[in-house]
Amino acid sequence: MKQFRIEFSCDECSKIHPTKLVIPLKDGPAERKSILENYQGKEFPPAIKMLDDFFKCPETGKHTIQGDKQKLFLVPL
């Protein structure tokens, strides 16, 4: 299985930030792609369903919730 880092689009500063979260997936994308786009019309795998959507913006230091799977990205490692 390939490993993918999670990145999120931050509503606090409008930038995309990497996280320390790495998940294994069989059917991840070849390049950075939103979770929603990658699984359009398919069921999310368990690793995606269990993702925590609570992140800290490194720019502002504020915590934010990003539950929109269009704003969460898979990045192959």
PDB file of N, CA and C in Angstrom:
ATOM      1  N   MET A   1       0.833  -1.192   0.000  1.00  0.00           N
ATOM      2  CA  MET A   1       0.000   0.000   0.000  1.00  0.00           C
ATOM      3  C   MET A   1       0.867   1.240   0.000  1.00  0.00           C
ATOM      4  N   LYS A   2       0.412   2.230  -0.721  1.00  0.00           N
ATOM      5  CA  LYS A   2       1.126   3.502  -0.769  1.00  0.00           C
ATOM      6  C   LYS A   2       0.759   4.362   0.435  1.00  0.00           C
ATOM      7  N   GLN A   3       1.662   5.265   0.770  1.00  0.00           N
ATOM      8  CA  GLN A   3       1.463   6.191   1.880  1.00  0.00           C
ATOM      9  C   GLN A   3       1.112   7.571   1.320  1.00  0.00           C
ATOM     10  N   PHE A   4       0.184   8.252   2.001  1.00  0.00           N
ATOM     11  CA  PHE A   4      -0.259   9.584   1.580  1.00  0.00           C
ATOM     12  C   PHE A   4      -0.294  10.531   2.761  1.00  0.00           C
ATOM     13  N   ARG A   5       0.272  11.706   2.562  1.00  0.00           N
ATOM     14  CA  ARG A   5       0.204  12.761   3.580  1.00  0.00           C
ATOM     15  C   ARG A   5      -1.098  13.532   3.346  1.00  0.00           C
ATOM     16  N   ILE A   6      -1.685  14.009   4.427  1.00  0.00           N
ATOM     17  CA  ILE A   6      -2.887  14.818   4.354  1.00  0.00           C
ATOM     18  C   ILE A   6      -2.490  16.289   4.411  1.00  0.00           C
ATOM     19  N   GLU A   7      -3.060  17.075   3.506  1.00  0.00           N
ATOM     20  CA  GLU A   7      -2.920  18.530   3.529  1.00  0.00           C
ATOM     21  C   GLU A   7      -4.320  19.119   3.640  1.00  0.00           C
ATOM     22  N   PHE A   8      -4.415  20.338   4.185  1.00  0.00           N
ATOM     23  CA  PHE A   8      -5.732  20.959   4.303  1.00  0.00           C
ATOM     24  C   PHE A   8      -5.703  22.409   3.851  1.00  0.00           C
ATOM     25  N   SER A   9      -6.822  22.821   3.267  1.00  0.00           N
ATOM     26  CA  SER A   9      -7.016  24.212   2.877  1.00  0.00           C
ATOM     27  C   SER A   9      -7.545  24.931   4.111  1.00  0.00           C
ATOM     28  N   CYS A  10      -6.812  25.911   4.570  1.00  0.00           N
ATOM     29  CA  CYS A  10      -7.089  26.577   5.844  1.00  0.00           C
ATOM     30  C   CYS A  10      -8.071  27.736   5.666  1.00  0.00           C
ATOM     31  N   ASP A  11      -9.155  27.692   6.423  1.00  0.00           N
ATOM     32  CA  ASP A  11     -10.133  28.777   6.394  1.00  0.00           C
ATOM     33  C   ASP A  11      -9.652  29.992   7.186  1.00  0.00           C
ATOM     34  N   GLU A  12      -8.614  29.824   7.990  1.00  0.00           N
ATOM     35  CA  GLU A  12      -8.080  30.935   8.782  1.00  0.00           C
ATOM     36  C   GLU A  12      -7.206  31.867   7.939  1.00  0.00           C
ATOM     37  N   CYS A  13      -6.337  31.288   7.087  1.00  0.00           N
ATOM     38  CA  CYS A  13      -5.389  32.113   6.323  1.00  0.00           C
ATOM     39  C   CYS A  13      -5.478  31.905   4.816  1.00  0.00           C
ATOM     40  N   SER A  14      -6.333  31.012   4.376  1.00  0.00           N
ATOM     41  CA  SER A  14      -6.564  30.729   2.948  1.00  0.00           C
ATOM     42  C   SER A  14      -5.380  30.062   2.241  1.00  0.00           C
ATOM     43  N   LYS A  15      -4.483  29.427   2.982  1.00  0.00           N
ATOM     44  CA  LYS A  15      -3.366  28.693   2.387  1.00  0.00           C
ATOM     45  C   LYS A  15      -3.591  27.198   2.566  1.00  0.00           C
ATOM     46  N   ILE A  16      -2.813  26.407   1.834  1.00  0.00           N
ATOM     47  CA  ILE A  16      -2.840  24.954   2.008  1.00  0.00           C
ATOM     48  C   ILE A  16      -1.641  24.565   2.854  1.00  0.00           C
ATOM     49  N   HIS A  17      -1.912  23.797   3.923  1.00  0.00           N
ATOM     50  CA  HIS A  17      -0.862  23.388   4.854  1.00  0.00           C
ATOM     51  C   HIS A  17      -0.720  21.870   4.887  1.00  0.00           C
ATOM     52  N   PRO A  18       0.510  21.375   4.956  1.00  0.00           N
ATOM     53  CA  PRO A  18       0.707  19.947   5.185  1.00  0.00           C
ATOM     54  C   PRO A  18       0.432  19.615   6.646  1.00  0.00           C
ATOM     55  N   THR A  19       0.091  18.393   6.894  1.00  0.00           N
ATOM     56  CA  THR A  19      -0.072  17.929   8.266  1.00  0.00           C
ATOM     57  C   THR A  19       0.944  16.814   8.512  1.00  0.00           C
ATOM     58  N   LYS A  20       0.986  16.315   9.722  1.00  0.00           N
ATOM     59  CA  LYS A  20       1.853  15.185  10.046  1.00  0.00           C
ATOM     60  C   LYS A  20       1.121  13.859   9.849  1.00  0.00           C
ATOM     61  N   LEU A  21      -0.142  13.933   9.421  1.00  0.00           N
ATOM     62  CA  LEU A  21      -0.933  12.724   9.213  1.00  0.00           C
ATOM     63  C   LEU A  21      -0.511  12.019   7.937  1.00  0.00           C
ATOM     64  N   VAL A  22      -0.210  10.735   8.055  1.00  0.00           N
ATOM     65  CA  VAL A  22       0.129   9.891   6.909  1.00  0.00           C
ATOM     66  C   VAL A  22      -0.761   8.659   6.999  1.00  0.00           C
ATOM     67  N   ILE A  23      -1.432   8.338   5.884  1.00  0.00           N
ATOM     68  CA  ILE A  23      -2.320   7.182   5.877  1.00  0.00           C
ATOM     69  C   ILE A  23      -1.977   6.265   4.707  1.00  0.00           C
ATOM     70  N   PRO A  24      -2.180   4.956   4.885  1.00  0.00           N
ATOM     71  CA  PRO A  24      -1.964   4.013   3.788  1.00  0.00           C
ATOM     72  C   PRO A  24      -3.261   3.852   2.987  1.00  0.00           C
ATOM     73  N   LEU A  25      -3.130   3.846   1.662  1.00  0.00           N
ATOM     74  CA  LEU A  25      -4.282   3.650   0.784  1.00  0.00           C
ATOM     75  C   LEU A  25      -3.879   2.796  -0.411  1.00  0.00           C
ATOM     76  N   LYS A  26      -4.798   1.970  -0.886  1.00  0.00           N
ATOM     77  CA  LYS A  26      -4.573   1.175  -2.087  1.00  0.00           C
ATOM     78  C   LYS A  26      -4.809   1.993  -3.349  1.00  0.00           C
ATOM     79  N   ASP A  27      -5.790   2.882  -3.268  1.00  0.00           N
ATOM     80  CA  ASP A  27      -6.251   3.555  -4.479  1.00  0.00           C
ATOM     81  C   ASP A  27      -6.116   5.078  -4.405  1.00  0.00           C
ATOM     82  N   GLY A  28      -5.003   5.538  -3.903  1.00  0.00           N
ATOM     83  CA  GLY A  28      -4.777   6.978  -3.826  1.00  0.00           C
ATOM     84  C   GLY A  28      -4.334   7.544  -5.167  1.00  0.00           C
ATOM     85  N   PRO A  29      -4.288   8.869  -5.272  1.00  0.00           N
ATOM     86  CA  PRO A  29      -3.927   9.513  -6.531  1.00  0.00           C
ATOM     87  C   PRO A  29      -2.421   9.500  -6.803  1.00  0.00           C
ATOM     88  N   ALA A  30      -2.050   9.739  -8.054  1.00  0.00           N
ATOM     89  CA  ALA A  30      -0.641   9.798  -8.451  1.00  0.00           C
ATOM     90  C   ALA A  30      -0.008  11.139  -8.086  1.00  0.00           C
ATOM     91  N   GLU A  31      -0.843  12.177  -7.943  1.00  0.00           N
ATOM     92  CA  GLU A  31      -0.381  13.505  -7.530  1.00  0.00           C
ATOM     93  C   GLU A  31      -1.423  14.107  -6.594  1.00  0.00           C
ATOM     94  N   ARG A  32      -1.098  15.256  -6.002  1.00  0.00           N
ATOM     95  CA  ARG A  32      -2.014  15.852  -5.025  1.00  0.00           C
ATOM     96  C   ARG A  32      -3.415  16.007  -5.620  1.00  0.00           C
ATOM     97  N   LYS A  33      -4.408  15.528  -4.844  1.00  0.00           N
ATOM     98  CA  LYS A  33      -5.792  15.593  -5.287  1.00  0.00           C
ATOM     99  C   LYS A  33      -6.670  15.656  -4.047  1.00  0.00           C
ATOM    100  N   SER A  34      -7.783  16.373  -4.139  1.00  0.00           N
ATOM    101  CA  SER A  34      -8.685  16.441  -2.996  1.00  0.00           C
ATOM    102  C   SER A  34      -9.285  15.055  -2.746  1.00  0.00           C
ATOM    103  N   ILE A  35      -9.604  14.792  -1.501  1.00  0.00           N
ATOM    104  CA  ILE A  35     -10.206  13.510  -1.136  1.00  0.00           C
ATOM    105  C   ILE A  35     -11.525  13.337  -1.881  1.00  0.00           C
ATOM    106  N   LEU A  36     -12.333  14.386  -1.921  1.00  0.00           N
ATOM    107  CA  LEU A  36     -13.634  14.298  -2.587  1.00  0.00           C
ATOM    108  C   LEU A  36     -13.464  13.970  -4.071  1.00  0.00           C
ATOM    109  N   GLU A  37     -12.513  14.630  -4.725  1.00  0.00           N
ATOM    110  CA  GLU A  37     -12.277  14.386  -6.148  1.00  0.00           C
ATOM    111  C   GLU A  37     -11.770  12.968  -6.387  1.00  0.00           C
ATOM    112  N   ASN A  38     -10.887  12.488  -5.532  1.00  0.00           N
ATOM    113  CA  ASN A  38     -10.319  11.153  -5.703  1.00  0.00           C
ATOM    114  C   ASN A  38     -11.365  10.054  -5.516  1.00  0.00           C
ATOM    115  N   TYR A  39     -12.324  10.276  -4.629  1.00  0.00           N
ATOM    116  CA  TYR A  39     -13.326   9.251  -4.342  1.00  0.00           C
ATOM    117  C   TYR A  39     -14.718   9.624  -4.848  1.00  0.00           C
ATOM    118  N   GLN A  40     -14.786  10.475  -5.852  1.00  0.00           N
ATOM    119  CA  GLN A  40     -16.067  10.884  -6.441  1.00  0.00           C
ATOM    120  C   GLN A  40     -16.888   9.648  -6.831  1.00  0.00           C
ATOM    121  N   GLY A  41     -18.078   9.527  -6.264  1.00  0.00           N
ATOM    122  CA  GLY A  41     -18.962   8.406  -6.596  1.00  0.00           C
ATOM    123  C   GLY A  41     -18.601   7.100  -5.931  1.00  0.00           C
ATOM    124  N   LYS A  42     -17.583   7.101  -5.075  1.00  0.00           N
ATOM    125  CA  LYS A  42     -17.164   5.880  -4.374  1.00  0.00           C
ATOM    126  C   LYS A  42     -17.283   6.099  -2.875  1.00  0.00           C
ATOM    127  N   GLU A  43     -17.292   5.024  -2.145  1.00  0.00           N
ATOM    128  CA  GLU A  43     -17.301   5.106  -0.682  1.00  0.00           C
ATOM    129  C   GLU A  43     -15.877   5.389  -0.192  1.00  0.00           C
ATOM    130  N   PHE A  44     -15.776   6.233   0.840  1.00  0.00           N
ATOM    131  CA  PHE A  44     -14.467   6.517   1.420  1.00  0.00           C
ATOM    132  C   PHE A  44     -13.942   5.275   2.132  1.00  0.00           C
ATOM    133  N   PRO A  45     -12.639   4.991   1.995  1.00  0.00           N
ATOM    134  CA  PRO A  45     -12.059   3.876   2.752  1.00  0.00           C
ATOM    135  C   PRO A  45     -12.016   4.220   4.240  1.00  0.00           C
ATOM    136  N   PRO A  46     -11.872   3.209   5.102  1.00  0.00           N
ATOM    137  CA  PRO A  46     -11.864   3.441   6.553  1.00  0.00           C
ATOM    138  C   PRO A  46     -10.840   4.486   7.009  1.00  0.00           C
ATOM    139  N   ALA A  47      -9.646   4.496   6.403  1.00  0.00           N
ATOM    140  CA  ALA A  47      -8.611   5.464   6.813  1.00  0.00           C
ATOM    141  C   ALA A  47      -9.080   6.899   6.586  1.00  0.00           C
ATOM    142  N   ILE A  48      -9.887   7.127   5.557  1.00  0.00           N
ATOM    143  CA  ILE A  48     -10.415   8.464   5.280  1.00  0.00           C
ATOM    144  C   ILE A  48     -11.563   8.789   6.232  1.00  0.00           C
ATOM    145  N   LYS A  49     -12.427   7.812   6.465  1.00  0.00           N
ATOM    146  CA  LYS A  49     -13.567   8.024   7.360  1.00  0.00           C
ATOM    147  C   LYS A  49     -13.114   8.381   8.774  1.00  0.00           C
ATOM    148  N   MET A  50     -11.973   7.852   9.192  1.00  0.00           N
ATOM    149  CA  MET A  50     -11.497   8.068  10.557  1.00  0.00           C
ATOM    150  C   MET A  50     -10.636   9.322  10.715  1.00  0.00           C
ATOM    151  N   LEU A  51     -10.418  10.066   9.648  1.00  0.00           N
ATOM    152  CA  LEU A  51      -9.575  11.264   9.725  1.00  0.00           C
ATOM    153  C   LEU A  51     -10.142  12.282  10.707  1.00  0.00           C
ATOM    154  N   ASP A  52      -9.273  12.836  11.508  1.00  0.00           N
ATOM    155  CA  ASP A  52      -9.637  13.946  12.385  1.00  0.00           C
ATOM    156  C   ASP A  52      -9.672  15.201  11.519  1.00  0.00           C
ATOM    157  N   ASP A  53     -10.696  16.018  11.681  1.00  0.00           N
ATOM    158  CA  ASP A  53     -10.805  17.224  10.849  1.00  0.00           C
ATOM    159  C   ASP A  53     -10.480  18.495  11.633  1.00  0.00           C
ATOM    160  N   PHE A  54      -9.762  18.352  12.721  1.00  0.00           N
ATOM    161  CA  PHE A  54      -9.393  19.465  13.594  1.00  0.00           C
ATOM    162  C   PHE A  54      -7.913  19.759  13.381  1.00  0.00           C
ATOM    163  N   PHE A  55      -7.595  20.942  12.859  1.00  0.00           N
ATOM    164  CA  PHE A  55      -6.226  21.296  12.514  1.00  0.00           C
ATOM    165  C   PHE A  55      -5.835  22.632  13.126  1.00  0.00           C
ATOM    166  N   LYS A  56      -4.536  22.856  13.219  1.00  0.00           N
ATOM    167  CA  LYS A  56      -4.016  24.131  13.710  1.00  0.00           C
ATOM    168  C   LYS A  56      -3.319  24.846  12.558  1.00  0.00           C
ATOM    169  N   CYS A  57      -3.702  26.097  12.332  1.00  0.00           N
ATOM    170  CA  CYS A  57      -3.079  26.898  11.278  1.00  0.00           C
ATOM    171  C   CYS A  57      -1.688  27.319  11.737  1.00  0.00           C
ATOM    172  N   PRO A  58      -0.640  26.979  10.988  1.00  0.00           N
ATOM    173  CA  PRO A  58       0.708  27.391  11.386  1.00  0.00           C
ATOM    174  C   PRO A  58       0.952  28.894  11.209  1.00  0.00           C
ATOM    175  N   GLU A  59       0.128  29.548  10.412  1.00  0.00           N
ATOM    176  CA  GLU A  59       0.272  30.995  10.188  1.00  0.00           C
ATOM    177  C   GLU A  59      -0.310  31.814  11.343  1.00  0.00           C
ATOM    178  N   THR A  60      -1.516  31.444  11.777  1.00  0.00           N
ATOM    179  CA  THR A  60      -2.221  32.229  12.802  1.00  0.00           C
ATOM    180  C   THR A  60      -2.150  31.603  14.185  1.00  0.00           C
ATOM    181  N   GLY A  61      -1.864  30.305  14.255  1.00  0.00           N
ATOM    182  CA  GLY A  61      -1.851  29.595  15.522  1.00  0.00           C
ATOM    183  C   GLY A  61      -3.247  29.209  16.001  1.00  0.00           C
ATOM    184  N   LYS A  62      -4.272  29.530  15.211  1.00  0.00           N
ATOM    185  CA  LYS A  62      -5.651  29.214  15.599  1.00  0.00           C
ATOM    186  C   LYS A  62      -6.024  27.816  15.126  1.00  0.00           C
ATOM    187  N   HIS A  63      -6.915  27.194  15.903  1.00  0.00           N
ATOM    188  CA  HIS A  63      -7.433  25.887  15.522  1.00  0.00           C
ATOM    189  C   HIS A  63      -8.632  26.075  14.610  1.00  0.00           C
ATOM    190  N   THR A  64      -8.764  25.158  13.661  1.00  0.00           N
ATOM    191  CA  THR A  64      -9.864  25.224  12.710  1.00  0.00           C
ATOM    192  C   THR A  64     -10.369  23.817  12.425  1.00  0.00           C
ATOM    193  N   ILE A  65     -11.617  23.729  12.073  1.00  0.00           N
ATOM    194  CA  ILE A  65     -12.206  22.453  11.661  1.00  0.00           C
ATOM    195  C   ILE A  65     -12.377  22.498  10.156  1.00  0.00           C
ATOM    196  N   GLN A  66     -11.860  21.470   9.496  1.00  0.00           N
ATOM    197  CA  GLN A  66     -12.007  21.411   8.051  1.00  0.00           C
ATOM    198  C   GLN A  66     -12.679  20.082   7.701  1.00  0.00           C
ATOM    199  N   GLY A  67     -13.992  20.081   7.721  1.00  0.00           N
ATOM    200  CA  GLY A  67     -14.751  18.866   7.434  1.00  0.00           C
ATOM    201  C   GLY A  67     -15.088  18.691   5.972  1.00  0.00           C
ATOM    202  N   ASP A  68     -14.792  19.683   5.148  1.00  0.00           N
ATOM    203  CA  ASP A  68     -15.091  19.636   3.719  1.00  0.00           C
ATOM    204  C   ASP A  68     -14.021  18.805   3.013  1.00  0.00           C
ATOM    205  N   LYS A  69     -14.394  17.626   2.536  1.00  0.00           N
ATOM    206  CA  LYS A  69     -13.433  16.729   1.896  1.00  0.00           C
ATOM    207  C   LYS A  69     -12.876  17.309   0.583  1.00  0.00           C
ATOM    208  N   GLN A  70     -13.512  18.344   0.043  1.00  0.00           N
ATOM    209  CA  GLN A  70     -12.976  19.038  -1.130  1.00  0.00           C
ATOM    210  C   GLN A  70     -11.762  19.877  -0.741  1.00  0.00           C
ATOM    211  N   LYS A  71     -11.648  20.204   0.561  1.00  0.00           N
ATOM    212  CA  LYS A  71     -10.550  21.034   1.054  1.00  0.00           C
ATOM    213  C   LYS A  71      -9.505  20.235   1.826  1.00  0.00           C
ATOM    214  N   LEU A  72      -9.603  18.923   1.762  1.00  0.00           N
ATOM    215  CA  LEU A  72      -8.598  18.011   2.324  1.00  0.00           C
ATOM    216  C   LEU A  72      -7.962  17.283   1.155  1.00  0.00           C
ATOM    217  N   PHE A  73      -6.636  17.203   1.183  1.00  0.00           N
ATOM    218  CA  PHE A  73      -5.907  16.660   0.032  1.00  0.00           C
ATOM    219  C   PHE A  73      -5.061  15.447   0.396  1.00  0.00           C
ATOM    220  N   LEU A  74      -4.923  14.555  -0.568  1.00  0.00           N
ATOM    221  CA  LEU A  74      -4.027  13.411  -0.474  1.00  0.00           C
ATOM    222  C   LEU A  74      -2.790  13.728  -1.304  1.00  0.00           C
ATOM    223  N   VAL A  75      -1.619  13.547  -0.702  1.00  0.00           N
ATOM    224  CA  VAL A  75      -0.362  13.804  -1.401  1.00  0.00           C
ATOM    225  C   VAL A  75       0.490  12.548  -1.291  1.00  0.00           C
ATOM    226  N   PRO A  76       0.800  11.903  -2.425  1.00  0.00           N
ATOM    227  CA  PRO A  76       1.598  10.681  -2.360  1.00  0.00           C
ATOM    228  C   PRO A  76       3.009  10.966  -1.848  1.00  0.00           C
ATOM    229  N   LEU A  77       3.514  10.033  -1.062  1.00  0.00           N
ATOM    230  CA  LEU A  77       4.883  10.154  -0.535  1.00  0.00           C
ATOM    231  C   LEU A  77       5.822   9.263  -1.331  1.00  0.00           C
TER     232      LEU A  77
END
